[in-house]
Amino acid sequence: MGRVGSALDNSVIESWHSTVEFELRRLEHFTTKAQARRRVAAWIEEYNHDRRHSSLGMRSPIAYELALHTGELGQAKEEAA
């Protein structure tokens, strides 16, 4: 992420908002702000812990982060080379 107001920073959050919009707001109806907040928090939890991302080698963001910290990703790259 770059400096304040960077177009690159904006594209990341715009993409994330688009995903939330498509997967939650268009498919579900919330009667209260509290209900919406709970559902968005649950969606974020699922997105980070359970959902696999092709850009992360079919790992969840949390699993990818753990693999970075344990050196698992570096070892796999070295073995492939």
C-alpha atoms as a PDB file:
ATOM      1  CA  MET A   1       0.000   0.000   0.000  1.00  0.00           C
ATOM      2  CA  GLY A   2       1.236   3.421  -0.850  1.00  0.00           C
ATOM      3  CA  ARG A   3       0.778   6.972   0.248  1.00  0.00           C
ATOM      4  CA  VAL A   4      -2.478   8.612   1.255  1.00  0.00           C
ATOM      5  CA  GLY A   5      -4.839   8.989  -1.695  1.00  0.00           C
ATOM      6  CA  SER A   6      -2.916   6.550  -3.888  1.00  0.00           C
ATOM      7  CA  ALA A   7      -4.948   5.148  -6.777  1.00  0.00           C
ATOM      8  CA  LEU A   8      -3.402   1.723  -6.139  1.00  0.00           C
ATOM      9  CA  ASP A   9      -4.746   1.677  -2.584  1.00  0.00           C
ATOM     10  CA  ASN A  10      -8.170   2.669  -3.832  1.00  0.00           C
ATOM     11  CA  SER A  11      -8.344  -0.168  -6.375  1.00  0.00           C
ATOM     12  CA  VAL A  12      -7.830  -2.806  -3.679  1.00  0.00           C
ATOM     13  CA  ILE A  13     -10.617  -1.527  -1.461  1.00  0.00           C
ATOM     14  CA  GLU A  14     -12.908  -0.923  -4.443  1.00  0.00           C
ATOM     15  CA  SER A  15     -12.482  -4.544  -5.487  1.00  0.00           C
ATOM     16  CA  TRP A  16     -13.219  -5.721  -1.935  1.00  0.00           C
ATOM     17  CA  HIS A  17     -16.320  -3.505  -1.710  1.00  0.00           C
ATOM     18  CA  SER A  18     -17.525  -4.879  -5.039  1.00  0.00           C
ATOM     19  CA  THR A  19     -17.222  -8.425  -3.710  1.00  0.00           C
ATOM     20  CA  VAL A  20     -19.109  -7.555  -0.516  1.00  0.00           C
ATOM     21  CA  GLU A  21     -21.771  -5.779  -2.557  1.00  0.00           C
ATOM     22  CA  PHE A  22     -22.259  -8.744  -4.864  1.00  0.00           C
ATOM     23  CA  GLU A  23     -22.145 -11.509  -2.256  1.00  0.00           C
ATOM     24  CA  LEU A  24     -24.026  -9.880   0.605  1.00  0.00           C
ATOM     25  CA  ARG A  25     -26.025  -6.806  -0.215  1.00  0.00           C
ATOM     26  CA  ARG A  26     -27.626  -8.098  -3.392  1.00  0.00           C
ATOM     27  CA  LEU A  27     -28.396 -11.545  -1.984  1.00  0.00           C
ATOM     28  CA  GLU A  28     -29.576 -10.672   1.519  1.00  0.00           C
ATOM     29  CA  HIS A  29     -31.928  -8.136   3.053  1.00  0.00           C
ATOM     30  CA  PHE A  30     -30.976  -6.650   6.408  1.00  0.00           C
ATOM     31  CA  THR A  31     -33.660  -5.122   8.606  1.00  0.00           C
ATOM     32  CA  THR A  32     -31.257  -3.404  11.020  1.00  0.00           C
ATOM     33  CA  LYS A  33     -27.722  -2.011  10.967  1.00  0.00           C
ATOM     34  CA  ALA A  34     -26.780  -4.407  13.767  1.00  0.00           C
ATOM     35  CA  GLN A  35     -27.927  -7.377  11.702  1.00  0.00           C
ATOM     36  CA  ALA A  36     -25.912  -6.131   8.708  1.00  0.00           C
ATOM     37  CA  ARG A  37     -22.815  -5.588  10.840  1.00  0.00           C
ATOM     38  CA  ARG A  38     -23.021  -9.094  12.302  1.00  0.00           C
ATOM     39  CA  ARG A  39     -23.417 -10.648   8.863  1.00  0.00           C
ATOM     40  CA  VAL A  40     -20.556  -8.618   7.367  1.00  0.00           C
ATOM     41  CA  ALA A  41     -18.305  -9.592  10.294  1.00  0.00           C
ATOM     42  CA  ALA A  42     -19.188 -13.264   9.747  1.00  0.00           C
ATOM     43  CA  TRP A  43     -18.529 -12.886   6.013  1.00  0.00           C
ATOM     44  CA  ILE A  44     -15.095 -11.343   6.678  1.00  0.00           C
ATOM     45  CA  GLU A  45     -14.266 -14.181   9.078  1.00  0.00           C
ATOM     46  CA  GLU A  46     -15.222 -16.767   6.450  1.00  0.00           C
ATOM     47  CA  TYR A  47     -13.390 -14.851   3.709  1.00  0.00           C
ATOM     48  CA  ASN A  48     -10.124 -14.764   5.686  1.00  0.00           C
ATOM     49  CA  HIS A  49     -10.202 -18.168   7.361  1.00  0.00           C
ATOM     50  CA  ASP A  50     -12.139 -20.577   5.136  1.00  0.00           C
ATOM     51  CA  ARG A  51     -12.329 -19.292   1.581  1.00  0.00           C
ATOM     52  CA  ARG A  52      -9.530 -20.405  -0.683  1.00  0.00           C
ATOM     53  CA  HIS A  53      -8.050 -17.873  -3.086  1.00  0.00           C
ATOM     54  CA  SER A  54      -6.491 -18.860  -6.399  1.00  0.00           C
ATOM     55  CA  SER A  55      -4.026 -15.965  -6.159  1.00  0.00           C
ATOM     56  CA  LEU A  56      -2.712 -17.462  -2.892  1.00  0.00           C
ATOM     57  CA  GLY A  57      -2.156 -20.984  -4.205  1.00  0.00           C
ATOM     58  CA  MET A  58      -5.640 -22.121  -3.155  1.00  0.00           C
ATOM     59  CA  ARG A  59      -4.994 -21.180   0.468  1.00  0.00           C
ATOM     60  CA  SER A  60      -7.073 -18.954   2.696  1.00  0.00           C
ATOM     61  CA  PRO A  61      -5.466 -15.581   3.512  1.00  0.00           C
ATOM     62  CA  ILE A  62      -4.801 -16.751   7.086  1.00  0.00           C
ATOM     63  CA  ALA A  63      -3.230 -20.037   5.917  1.00  0.00           C
ATOM     64  CA  TYR A  64      -1.085 -18.107   3.420  1.00  0.00           C
ATOM     65  CA  GLU A  65       0.088 -15.702   6.113  1.00  0.00           C
ATOM     66  CA  LEU A  66       0.968 -18.598   8.427  1.00  0.00           C
ATOM     67  CA  ALA A  67       2.875 -20.316   5.609  1.00  0.00           C
ATOM     68  CA  LEU A  68       4.864 -17.109   5.037  1.00  0.00           C
ATOM     69  CA  HIS A  69       5.804 -16.866   8.710  1.00  0.00           C
ATOM     70  CA  THR A  70       6.802 -20.523   9.025  1.00  0.00           C
ATOM     71  CA  GLY A  71       8.870 -20.416   5.854  1.00  0.00           C
ATOM     72  CA  GLU A  72       6.713 -23.032   4.134  1.00  0.00           C
ATOM     73  CA  LEU A  73       6.246 -20.868   1.032  1.00  0.00           C
ATOM     74  CA  GLY A  74       9.949 -20.131   0.681  1.00  0.00           C
ATOM     75  CA  GLN A  75      10.850 -23.832   0.951  1.00  0.00           C
ATOM     76  CA  ALA A  76       8.289 -24.794  -1.704  1.00  0.00           C
ATOM     77  CA  LYS A  77       9.709 -22.187  -4.104  1.00  0.00           C
ATOM     78  CA  GLU A  78      13.277 -23.387  -3.501  1.00  0.00           C
ATOM     79  CA  GLU A  79      12.317 -27.019  -4.083  1.00  0.00           C
ATOM     80  CA  ALA A  80      10.545 -26.118  -7.340  1.00  0.00           C
ATOM     81  CA  ALA A  81      13.619 -24.286  -8.684  1.00  0.00           C
END
